[in-house]
């Protein structure tokens, strides 16, 4: 029965860690990537702005890492169809009471 408890406690960590935009931005995004490559890494953007030969893909209110519930917006700037720069907006810190572990005792 102990393994069932470990799975119950570990599963939320795996779920949160597996879908974190910040970790994908840091490890998988590179200058020179195409729009299609960015979308394959980060998914469809929440917003898009265009001006001349530039396009900005906006990913809104995304988790920064698997170890925190802090969120930010990510922006990817494409010039002539290739990533020229990318980064975060202002970080929104999660309230201290959010998250945590629970244990089941038999």
Protein backbone atom coordinates (compact mmCIF):
# COMPACT_ATOMS: atom_id res chain seq x y z
CA UNK A 1 0.00 0.00 0.00
CA UNK A 2 2.93 2.35 0.52
CA UNK A 3 3.65 2.44 -3.22
CA UNK A 4 0.09 3.66 -3.82
CA UNK A 5 0.68 6.55 -1.44
CA UNK A 6 3.97 7.43 -3.19
CA UNK A 7 2.24 7.48 -6.56
CA UNK A 8 -0.51 9.70 -5.17
CA UNK A 9 2.05 12.16 -3.79
CA UNK A 10 4.41 12.03 -6.80
CA UNK A 11 1.85 12.29 -9.57
CA UNK A 12 1.11 16.02 -9.12
CA UNK A 13 4.83 16.77 -9.31
CA UNK A 14 5.17 14.89 -12.58
CA UNK A 15 2.13 16.59 -14.07
CA UNK A 16 3.31 20.08 -13.11
CA UNK A 17 6.88 19.40 -14.19
CA UNK A 18 5.83 17.99 -17.54
CA UNK A 19 3.97 21.04 -18.82
CA UNK A 20 6.12 23.97 -17.76
CA UNK A 21 6.63 26.60 -20.45
CA UNK A 22 9.64 28.22 -18.75
CA UNK A 23 11.65 25.01 -18.82
CA UNK A 24 10.82 24.49 -22.51
CA UNK A 25 11.83 28.08 -23.32
CA UNK A 26 15.17 27.69 -21.54
CA UNK A 27 16.03 24.26 -22.92
CA UNK A 28 14.36 23.97 -26.33
CA UNK A 29 14.00 27.44 -27.87
CA UNK A 30 16.83 28.83 -30.02
CA UNK A 31 17.44 31.92 -32.13
CA UNK A 32 16.89 31.06 -35.79
CA UNK A 33 14.03 28.60 -35.27
CA UNK A 34 11.01 28.86 -37.56
CA UNK A 35 7.49 29.72 -36.36
CA UNK A 36 6.48 26.10 -36.91
CA UNK A 37 9.34 24.89 -34.69
CA UNK A 38 8.34 27.32 -31.91
CA UNK A 39 4.73 26.13 -32.06
CA UNK A 40 5.86 22.48 -31.95
CA UNK A 41 7.81 23.23 -28.73
CA UNK A 42 5.47 25.67 -26.93
CA UNK A 43 2.10 24.99 -28.56
CA UNK A 44 -0.20 27.53 -30.16
CA UNK A 45 0.34 31.07 -28.86
CA UNK A 46 -2.32 32.88 -26.84
CA UNK A 47 -1.78 36.02 -28.89
CA UNK A 48 0.01 37.22 -32.04
CA UNK A 49 1.06 40.73 -33.08
CA UNK A 50 2.58 41.70 -36.41
CA UNK A 51 4.38 44.80 -37.60
CA UNK A 52 6.26 44.90 -40.89
CA UNK A 53 8.51 41.84 -41.14
CA UNK A 54 8.22 41.10 -37.40
CA UNK A 55 5.78 38.90 -35.53
CA UNK A 56 5.46 38.45 -31.75
CA UNK A 57 4.02 35.23 -30.33
CA UNK A 58 2.68 35.68 -26.81
CA UNK A 59 2.24 32.82 -24.32
CA UNK A 60 0.20 34.20 -21.41
CA UNK A 61 0.22 33.29 -17.70
CA UNK A 62 2.52 30.27 -18.03
CA UNK A 63 4.38 28.43 -15.26
CA UNK A 64 8.04 29.35 -14.86
CA UNK A 65 9.36 26.05 -13.49
CA UNK A 66 8.24 22.77 -11.98
CA UNK A 67 9.38 23.88 -8.52
CA UNK A 68 7.20 26.97 -8.19
CA UNK A 69 3.69 28.11 -9.06
CA UNK A 70 4.95 31.54 -10.16
CA UNK A 71 3.73 32.58 -13.61
CA UNK A 72 4.78 34.98 -16.35
CA UNK A 73 4.10 35.82 -19.98
CA UNK A 74 6.59 34.64 -22.60
CA UNK A 75 7.22 36.50 -25.85
CA UNK A 76 8.90 35.13 -28.96
CA UNK A 77 9.91 37.67 -31.61
CA UNK A 78 10.24 36.43 -35.18
CA UNK A 79 11.85 38.58 -37.89
CA UNK A 80 11.50 37.42 -41.48
CA UNK A 81 10.02 34.15 -40.18
CA UNK A 82 12.83 33.18 -37.76
CA UNK A 83 13.23 33.67 -33.99
CA UNK A 84 15.37 36.72 -33.31
CA UNK A 85 14.74 37.03 -29.57
CA UNK A 86 12.58 35.61 -26.78
CA UNK A 87 12.04 36.08 -23.06
CA UNK A 88 9.71 36.68 -20.16
CA UNK A 89 7.54 39.51 -18.97
CA UNK A 90 6.94 40.45 -15.35
CA UNK A 91 6.83 37.49 -12.96
CA UNK A 92 3.61 37.04 -10.97
CA UNK A 93 4.43 35.27 -7.73
CA UNK A 94 1.98 32.68 -6.46
CA UNK A 95 0.42 33.21 -3.03
CA UNK A 96 2.38 31.43 -0.30
CA UNK A 97 -0.59 29.26 0.71
CA UNK A 98 -0.94 27.70 -2.75
CA UNK A 99 0.32 24.17 -3.41
CA UNK A 100 1.71 21.72 -0.92
CA UNK A 101 1.57 18.02 -0.19
CA UNK A 102 -1.00 15.85 1.43
CA UNK A 103 -0.44 12.48 3.02
CA UNK A 104 -2.85 9.62 3.47
CA UNK A 105 -2.36 7.70 6.70
CA UNK A 106 -3.96 4.31 7.28
